[in-house]
């Protein structure tokens, strides 16, 4: 078990480092002499089958569906045989995640209440990037109790669930009922596959691709198809696990291709026209403050209240300092926050400002969270 945990942490560290390098490369390309070519490549039209979209669009709506498929698989696995099986395991991180989504949204709305055109971005600072957050805490190795790493991962999983619900409920365009009906029929077929324990992944993936297209055409964001498909893959069929098999196959592709490409396509904001005062404008400030202040405040207040009221148990061998450090790390929004920002704002200066806010808030959360956990562990 110990060796398995070490391998997982090494993998998460590598994923976080790869994401960080992709982000740095995007910023370099976005602010170098290659800036025009970089953006021209992202806007290059690419035709795949019956759809013709830009490269950036295929990355954000197509490849990211694979990421959300992985998220759906991970959520199902954790709830059936992982760290979220029992009420005791679920309660504390679930309550913490609610606070971690509520407070950032409130801070964002408070700072943008006089700018109604910005209010659709209220969900941007509410999400946590599990790869980055776990990657940062993994750098501390044995200095941090395993229970804190599990707590952070569980909070991030519930954050993902919350973000998926927000995307489905608040970022849906005008619905096309015909395609929504087609999607319902496909979901029913996938449910039947699950019920009858069909172990071959091929029929799931073929129907999953059709489901993605139908949901895309229905007006609901297409990445939701990935989550739904993941939840309908069976965990066990006899001695085999189609779910774990698909997770094993997807893991390196998602970690080292999909997420880095997403970072490369979305983090390359041009800083040449921006002044220091820009970060203090309501839009990026609301995002940065929501991530750095709101996330840690919400997670800490709700976690403290849950433990004191007897609704949850203190993680083993952990102190309040450990929990506070982990709460700060939940402010690393990055991938999920950039994704929601793309849904909230489609063009103009708002896009660059939202990405600036995400990068600033995520960077501050990573640096300060790491420092707090290092200081707490050194003091002990």
Protein backbone atom coordinates (compact mmCIF):
# COMPACT_ATOMS: atom_id res chain seq x y z
CA UNK A 1 0.00 0.00 0.00
CA UNK A 2 2.80 2.41 0.93
CA UNK A 3 4.55 1.86 -2.41
CA UNK A 4 1.25 2.36 -4.24
CA UNK A 5 0.72 5.71 -2.48
CA UNK A 6 4.27 6.77 -3.34
CA UNK A 7 3.70 5.92 -7.02
CA UNK A 8 0.44 7.92 -7.06
CA UNK A 9 2.10 10.94 -5.47
CA UNK A 10 5.01 10.80 -7.92
CA UNK A 11 2.53 10.68 -10.79
CA UNK A 12 0.54 13.63 -9.42
CA UNK A 13 3.77 15.60 -8.99
CA UNK A 14 4.75 14.89 -12.60
CA UNK A 15 1.28 15.96 -13.78
CA UNK A 16 1.52 19.23 -11.83
CA UNK A 17 5.01 19.94 -13.16
CA UNK A 18 3.89 19.24 -16.75
CA UNK A 19 0.94 21.61 -16.34
CA UNK A 20 3.23 24.27 -14.90
CA UNK A 21 5.70 23.95 -17.81
CA UNK A 22 2.86 24.13 -20.35
CA UNK A 23 1.59 27.30 -18.66
CA UNK A 24 5.05 28.91 -18.73
CA UNK A 25 5.47 27.98 -22.40
CA UNK A 26 2.05 29.47 -23.22
CA UNK A 27 2.99 32.74 -21.50
CA UNK A 28 6.31 32.83 -23.39
CA UNK A 29 4.61 32.21 -26.74
CA UNK A 30 1.89 34.73 -25.95
CA UNK A 31 4.42 37.46 -25.18
CA UNK A 32 7.18 36.78 -27.72
CA UNK A 33 7.72 37.54 -31.38
CA UNK A 34 5.78 34.32 -32.06
CA UNK A 35 2.64 35.86 -30.56
CA UNK A 36 0.81 36.28 -33.94
CA UNK A 37 1.65 32.76 -35.11
CA UNK A 38 0.64 31.28 -31.74
CA UNK A 39 -2.84 32.81 -31.86
CA UNK A 40 -3.22 32.16 -35.60
CA UNK A 41 -2.56 28.46 -35.00
CA UNK A 42 -5.21 28.32 -32.27
CA UNK A 43 -7.75 29.94 -34.60
CA UNK A 44 -6.87 27.67 -37.52
CA UNK A 45 -9.96 25.84 -38.75
CA UNK A 46 -9.85 22.08 -38.39
CA UNK A 47 -12.47 19.79 -39.93
CA UNK A 48 -13.20 16.48 -38.21
CA UNK A 49 -16.05 14.55 -39.75
CA UNK A 50 -19.22 16.65 -39.86
CA UNK A 51 -17.91 19.44 -37.62
CA UNK A 52 -15.56 22.24 -38.57
CA UNK A 53 -14.15 24.25 -35.66
CA UNK A 54 -10.99 26.09 -34.64
CA UNK A 55 -8.06 24.23 -33.04
CA UNK A 56 -8.77 26.07 -29.77
CA UNK A 57 -12.41 24.97 -29.91
CA UNK A 58 -11.47 21.32 -30.50
CA UNK A 59 -9.13 21.42 -27.51
CA UNK A 60 -11.63 23.11 -25.18
CA UNK A 61 -14.75 21.20 -26.21
CA UNK A 62 -13.37 18.02 -27.73
CA UNK A 63 -10.23 16.95 -25.88
CA UNK A 64 -11.55 18.29 -22.59
CA UNK A 65 -14.45 15.85 -22.91
CA UNK A 66 -11.82 13.15 -22.29
CA UNK A 67 -10.77 14.98 -19.12
CA UNK A 68 -14.38 15.11 -17.93
CA UNK A 69 -14.79 11.42 -18.83
CA UNK A 70 -11.84 10.72 -16.53
CA UNK A 71 -13.44 12.90 -13.83
CA UNK A 72 -16.68 10.93 -14.12
CA UNK A 73 -14.79 7.64 -13.81
CA UNK A 74 -12.84 8.93 -10.81
CA UNK A 75 -15.97 10.15 -9.01
CA UNK A 76 -17.71 6.78 -9.48
CA UNK A 77 -14.63 4.83 -8.35
CA UNK A 78 -14.14 6.96 -5.22
CA UNK A 79 -17.79 6.61 -4.24
CA UNK A 80 -17.96 2.85 -4.79
CA UNK A 81 -14.64 1.69 -3.37
CA UNK A 82 -12.43 4.68 -2.65
CA UNK A 83 -12.25 7.50 -0.12
CA UNK A 84 -15.91 8.49 -0.48
CA UNK A 85 -17.68 5.20 0.30
CA UNK A 86 -19.12 5.95 3.73
CA UNK A 87 -21.03 8.85 5.21
CA UNK A 88 -18.12 9.60 7.56
CA UNK A 89 -15.72 9.84 4.61
CA UNK A 90 -18.08 11.97 2.55
CA UNK A 91 -19.43 14.46 5.09
CA UNK A 92 -16.40 16.59 5.98
CA UNK A 93 -14.96 17.14 2.46
CA UNK A 94 -18.47 17.64 1.03
CA UNK A 95 -19.26 20.35 3.58
CA UNK A 96 -15.83 21.92 3.05
CA UNK A 97 -16.38 21.95 -0.72
CA UNK A 98 -19.72 23.76 -0.32
CA UNK A 99 -17.99 26.53 1.61
CA UNK A 100 -15.16 26.51 -0.91
CA UNK A 101 -17.59 27.20 -3.72
CA UNK A 102 -19.92 29.61 -1.90
CA UNK A 103 -17.42 32.10 -0.49
CA UNK A 104 -15.48 32.71 -3.75
CA UNK A 105 -18.73 33.31 -5.63
CA UNK A 106 -19.89 35.79 -2.98
CA UNK A 107 -16.57 37.66 -3.03
CA UNK A 108 -16.63 37.81 -6.84
CA UNK A 109 -20.21 39.13 -6.90
CA UNK A 110 -19.45 41.68 -4.16
CA UNK A 111 -16.51 43.09 -6.15
CA UNK A 112 -18.47 43.13 -9.43
CA UNK A 113 -21.93 44.16 -8.21
CA UNK A 114 -21.67 47.51 -10.01
CA UNK A 115 -20.58 45.82 -13.25
CA UNK A 116 -23.53 43.66 -14.34
CA UNK A 117 -21.72 42.63 -17.53
CA UNK A 118 -19.22 40.73 -15.34
CA UNK A 119 -21.67 38.86 -13.14
CA UNK A 120 -21.93 35.82 -15.42
CA UNK A 121 -18.39 34.96 -14.31
CA UNK A 122 -19.41 34.27 -10.69
CA UNK A 123 -18.49 30.56 -10.96
CA UNK A 124 -14.94 31.09 -12.26
CA UNK A 125 -13.21 31.17 -8.83
CA UNK A 126 -15.35 28.39 -7.34
CA UNK A 127 -13.43 25.39 -8.73
CA UNK A 128 -10.21 23.57 -7.74
CA UNK A 129 -7.63 22.09 -10.12
CA UNK A 130 -7.07 18.68 -8.55
CA UNK A 131 -3.95 17.91 -10.62
CA UNK A 132 -2.17 21.14 -9.66
CA UNK A 133 -3.32 21.14 -6.03
CA UNK A 134 -2.33 17.53 -5.36
CA UNK A 135 0.88 18.05 -7.33
CA UNK A 136 1.88 20.93 -5.03
CA UNK A 137 1.08 19.08 -1.79
CA UNK A 138 2.91 16.01 -3.09
CA UNK A 139 6.14 18.03 -3.27
CA UNK A 140 6.13 18.04 0.54
CA UNK A 141 6.29 14.23 0.67
CA UNK A 142 6.10 12.73 4.16
CA UNK A 143 6.02 16.17 5.80
CA UNK A 144 2.23 16.18 5.35
CA UNK A 145 -0.01 13.48 6.91
CA UNK A 146 -1.64 11.19 4.29
CA UNK A 147 -5.05 12.09 5.74
CA UNK A 148 -4.57 15.73 4.65
CA UNK A 149 -3.73 14.68 1.10
CA UNK A 150 -6.85 12.51 1.05
CA UNK A 151 -8.90 15.41 2.47
CA UNK A 152 -7.60 17.76 -0.25
CA UNK A 153 -8.33 15.22 -2.99
CA UNK A 154 -11.84 14.58 -1.65
CA UNK A 155 -12.64 18.31 -1.47
CA UNK A 156 -11.37 18.70 -5.05
CA UNK A 157 -13.57 15.79 -6.21
CA UNK A 158 -16.66 17.43 -4.69
CA UNK A 159 -15.55 20.71 -6.25
CA UNK A 160 -15.51 18.92 -9.61
CA UNK A 161 -19.04 17.64 -9.00
CA UNK A 162 -20.16 21.16 -8.13
CA UNK A 163 -18.45 22.61 -11.22
CA UNK A 164 -20.11 20.00 -13.45
CA UNK A 165 -23.54 20.88 -12.03
CA UNK A 166 -22.85 24.60 -12.49
CA UNK A 167 -21.82 24.06 -16.12
CA UNK A 168 -24.93 21.96 -16.81
CA UNK A 169 -27.37 24.34 -15.09
CA UNK A 170 -25.98 27.81 -15.76
CA UNK A 171 -23.93 27.57 -18.95
CA UNK A 172 -26.46 25.90 -21.21
CA UNK A 173 -27.44 27.69 -24.40
CA UNK A 174 -30.88 27.58 -25.98
CA UNK A 175 -31.94 23.94 -25.85
CA UNK A 176 -32.56 21.90 -28.99
CA UNK A 177 -35.09 19.35 -27.74
CA UNK A 178 -34.68 16.97 -30.66
CA UNK A 179 -30.99 16.41 -29.99
CA UNK A 180 -31.68 16.31 -26.25
CA UNK A 181 -34.13 13.49 -26.96
CA UNK A 182 -31.51 11.63 -28.98
CA UNK A 183 -29.10 12.05 -26.07
CA UNK A 184 -31.70 10.61 -23.66
CA UNK A 185 -32.13 7.53 -25.86
CA UNK A 186 -28.35 6.99 -25.95
CA UNK A 187 -28.11 7.39 -22.18
CA UNK A 188 -30.85 4.79 -21.78
CA UNK A 189 -28.87 2.40 -24.00
CA UNK A 190 -25.70 3.03 -21.98
CA UNK A 191 -27.68 2.42 -18.80
CA UNK A 192 -28.84 -0.91 -20.24
CA UNK A 193 -25.24 -1.84 -21.07
CA UNK A 194 -24.31 -1.08 -17.46
CA UNK A 195 -27.27 -3.03 -16.07
CA UNK A 196 -26.47 -6.13 -18.11
CA UNK A 197 -22.78 -5.86 -17.17
CA UNK A 198 -21.39 -5.59 -20.70
CA UNK A 199 -17.63 -5.67 -20.13
CA UNK A 200 -16.37 -4.63 -23.58
CA UNK A 201 -15.56 -0.91 -23.65
CA UNK A 202 -16.09 -0.58 -27.43
CA UNK A 203 -19.91 -0.18 -27.38
CA UNK A 204 -19.67 2.33 -24.51
CA UNK A 205 -17.11 4.44 -26.38
CA UNK A 206 -18.96 4.33 -29.71
CA UNK A 207 -22.22 5.46 -28.09
CA UNK A 208 -20.23 7.94 -25.99
CA UNK A 209 -18.93 9.65 -29.14
CA UNK A 210 -22.48 9.89 -30.52
CA UNK A 211 -23.67 11.17 -27.13
CA UNK A 212 -21.01 13.90 -27.24
CA UNK A 213 -22.29 15.06 -30.65
CA UNK A 214 -25.95 15.03 -29.59
CA UNK A 215 -25.29 16.95 -26.40
CA UNK A 216 -23.11 19.41 -28.32
CA UNK A 217 -25.95 20.04 -30.78
CA UNK A 218 -28.55 20.20 -27.97
CA UNK A 219 -27.08 23.38 -26.47
CA UNK A 220 -25.83 21.74 -23.26
CA UNK A 221 -22.04 21.97 -23.01
CA UNK A 222 -20.57 18.93 -24.75
CA UNK A 223 -18.10 18.04 -21.98
CA UNK A 224 -21.05 16.94 -19.82
CA UNK A 225 -21.23 13.92 -22.13
CA UNK A 226 -17.85 12.80 -20.81
CA UNK A 227 -19.05 12.89 -17.20
CA UNK A 228 -22.28 11.00 -17.97
CA UNK A 229 -20.40 8.34 -19.91
CA UNK A 230 -17.91 7.91 -17.06
CA UNK A 231 -20.69 7.38 -14.53
CA UNK A 232 -22.25 4.66 -16.70
CA UNK A 233 -19.11 2.54 -17.17
CA UNK A 234 -19.44 -0.50 -14.83
CA UNK A 235 -16.89 -0.78 -12.04
CA UNK A 236 -16.87 -4.59 -11.97
CA UNK A 237 -17.99 -7.31 -14.36
CA UNK A 238 -17.00 -10.62 -12.86
CA UNK A 239 -13.28 -10.47 -12.20
CA UNK A 240 -12.73 -7.55 -14.60
CA UNK A 241 -13.13 -3.80 -14.12
CA UNK A 242 -13.99 -1.91 -17.32
CA UNK A 243 -13.92 1.36 -15.33
CA UNK A 244 -10.40 0.84 -13.98
CA UNK A 245 -9.20 -0.39 -17.37
CA UNK A 246 -10.44 2.78 -19.07
CA UNK A 247 -8.99 4.97 -16.29
CA UNK A 248 -5.62 3.24 -16.71
CA UNK A 249 -5.72 3.88 -20.47
CA UNK A 250 -6.87 7.49 -20.22
CA UNK A 251 -4.62 8.53 -17.33
CA UNK A 252 -1.38 9.31 -19.24
CA UNK A 253 -3.27 10.88 -22.15
CA UNK A 254 -5.26 13.18 -19.89
CA UNK A 255 -2.33 14.02 -17.60
CA UNK A 256 0.36 14.57 -20.20
CA UNK A 257 -1.51 15.57 -23.34
CA UNK A 258 -5.07 16.87 -22.78
CA UNK A 259 -4.42 19.09 -19.75
CA UNK A 260 -1.06 20.48 -20.99
CA UNK A 261 -2.63 21.25 -24.40
CA UNK A 262 -5.51 23.00 -22.64
CA UNK A 263 -3.02 25.08 -20.61
CA UNK A 264 -1.01 25.80 -23.75
CA UNK A 265 -4.13 27.00 -25.58
CA UNK A 266 -5.61 29.10 -22.76
CA UNK A 267 -2.82 30.47 -20.57
CA UNK A 268 -0.97 32.47 -23.23
CA UNK A 269 -2.38 35.89 -22.36
CA UNK A 270 -0.60 38.90 -23.82
CA UNK A 271 0.73 41.06 -20.98
CA UNK A 272 2.20 43.85 -23.09
CA UNK A 273 -0.90 46.06 -22.98
CA UNK A 274 -1.65 45.38 -19.32
CA UNK A 275 -0.69 47.66 -16.45
CA UNK A 276 -0.41 46.76 -12.78
CA UNK A 277 -3.72 48.54 -12.26
CA UNK A 278 -5.47 45.98 -14.51
CA UNK A 279 -5.26 43.26 -11.87
CA UNK A 280 -7.09 45.65 -9.51
CA UNK A 281 -10.04 46.08 -11.87
CA UNK A 282 -13.20 44.32 -10.63
CA UNK A 283 -13.16 41.36 -13.04
CA UNK A 284 -9.65 39.92 -12.44
CA UNK A 285 -9.60 41.09 -8.82
CA UNK A 286 -12.88 39.28 -8.14
CA UNK A 287 -11.44 36.07 -9.58
CA UNK A 288 -8.05 36.35 -7.86
CA UNK A 289 -9.58 37.31 -4.50
CA UNK A 290 -12.24 34.61 -4.85
CA UNK A 291 -9.57 31.95 -5.43
CA UNK A 292 -7.01 33.11 -2.89
CA UNK A 293 -9.24 34.53 -0.14
CA UNK A 294 -12.64 32.97 -0.78
CA UNK A 295 -11.54 29.36 -1.20
CA UNK A 296 -9.43 29.20 1.96
CA UNK A 297 -12.00 31.14 3.99
CA UNK A 298 -14.93 29.02 2.83
CA UNK A 299 -13.15 25.68 3.33
CA UNK A 300 -11.83 26.67 6.77
CA UNK A 301 -15.11 28.10 8.10
CA UNK A 302 -17.20 25.15 6.92
CA UNK A 303 -14.62 22.55 8.02
CA UNK A 304 -14.26 24.11 11.48
CA UNK A 305 -18.04 24.33 11.88
CA UNK A 306 -18.57 20.73 10.73
CA UNK A 307 -15.98 19.35 13.17
CA UNK A 308 -17.18 21.44 16.12
CA UNK A 309 -20.80 20.47 15.46
CA UNK A 310 -19.87 16.80 15.26
CA UNK A 311 -20.76 16.49 11.57
CA UNK A 312 -17.25 15.41 10.61
CA UNK A 313 -14.04 14.09 12.12
CA UNK A 314 -10.62 15.73 12.24
CA UNK A 315 -8.28 14.02 9.73
CA UNK A 316 -5.89 11.64 11.53
CA UNK A 317 -2.51 13.03 12.66
CA UNK A 318 -3.48 16.44 11.29
CA UNK A 319 -3.51 19.86 12.94
CA UNK A 320 -5.53 22.95 12.12
CA UNK A 321 -2.36 24.27 10.46
CA UNK A 322 -2.41 21.33 8.05
CA UNK A 323 -6.07 21.91 7.25
CA UNK A 324 -5.45 25.61 6.69
CA UNK A 325 -2.59 24.88 4.28
CA UNK A 326 -4.79 22.44 2.36
CA UNK A 327 -7.61 25.01 2.33
CA UNK A 328 -5.29 27.55 0.69
CA UNK A 329 -4.31 25.01 -1.98
CA UNK A 330 -7.96 24.60 -2.97
CA UNK A 331 -7.58 28.12 -4.40
CA UNK A 332 -5.53 26.68 -7.27
CA UNK A 333 -8.35 26.91 -9.78
CA UNK A 334 -6.36 26.92 -13.01
CA UNK A 335 -7.76 24.26 -15.41
CA UNK A 336 -11.36 24.29 -14.14
CA UNK A 337 -11.40 28.07 -13.63
CA UNK A 338 -10.00 28.71 -17.12
CA UNK A 339 -12.59 26.31 -18.51
CA UNK A 340 -15.49 28.10 -16.80
CA UNK A 341 -14.05 31.49 -17.86
CA UNK A 342 -14.22 30.36 -21.50
CA UNK A 343 -17.92 29.61 -20.98
CA UNK A 344 -18.54 32.93 -19.23
CA UNK A 345 -16.84 35.33 -21.66
CA UNK A 346 -16.42 34.75 -25.37
CA UNK A 347 -14.27 37.66 -26.49
CA UNK A 348 -12.88 41.13 -25.98
CA UNK A 349 -10.72 42.34 -23.10
CA UNK A 350 -12.73 40.24 -20.63
CA UNK A 351 -11.06 37.02 -21.79
CA UNK A 352 -7.55 38.28 -21.06
CA UNK A 353 -8.60 39.79 -17.74
CA UNK A 354 -10.30 36.60 -16.54
CA UNK A 355 -7.22 34.56 -17.40
CA UNK A 356 -5.02 37.09 -15.60
CA UNK A 357 -7.20 36.74 -12.50
CA UNK A 358 -7.09 32.93 -12.66
CA UNK A 359 -3.30 32.85 -13.02
CA UNK A 360 -2.76 35.39 -10.22
CA UNK A 361 -5.14 33.73 -7.75
CA UNK A 362 -3.90 30.22 -8.54
CA UNK A 363 -0.22 31.20 -8.27
CA UNK A 364 -0.76 32.97 -4.93
CA UNK A 365 -2.68 29.97 -3.56
CA UNK A 366 0.04 27.53 -4.67
CA UNK A 367 2.93 29.54 -3.22
CA UNK A 368 1.29 30.49 0.08
CA UNK A 369 -0.35 27.07 0.59
CA UNK A 370 2.96 25.28 0.04
CA UNK A 371 4.74 27.71 2.40
CA UNK A 372 2.16 27.27 5.18
CA UNK A 373 2.29 23.47 4.99
CA UNK A 374 6.10 23.51 4.92
CA UNK A 375 6.21 25.84 7.95
CA UNK A 376 3.67 23.76 9.90
CA UNK A 377 5.54 20.53 9.21
CA UNK A 378 8.91 22.11 10.12
CA UNK A 379 7.49 23.46 13.36
CA UNK A 380 6.21 20.03 14.32
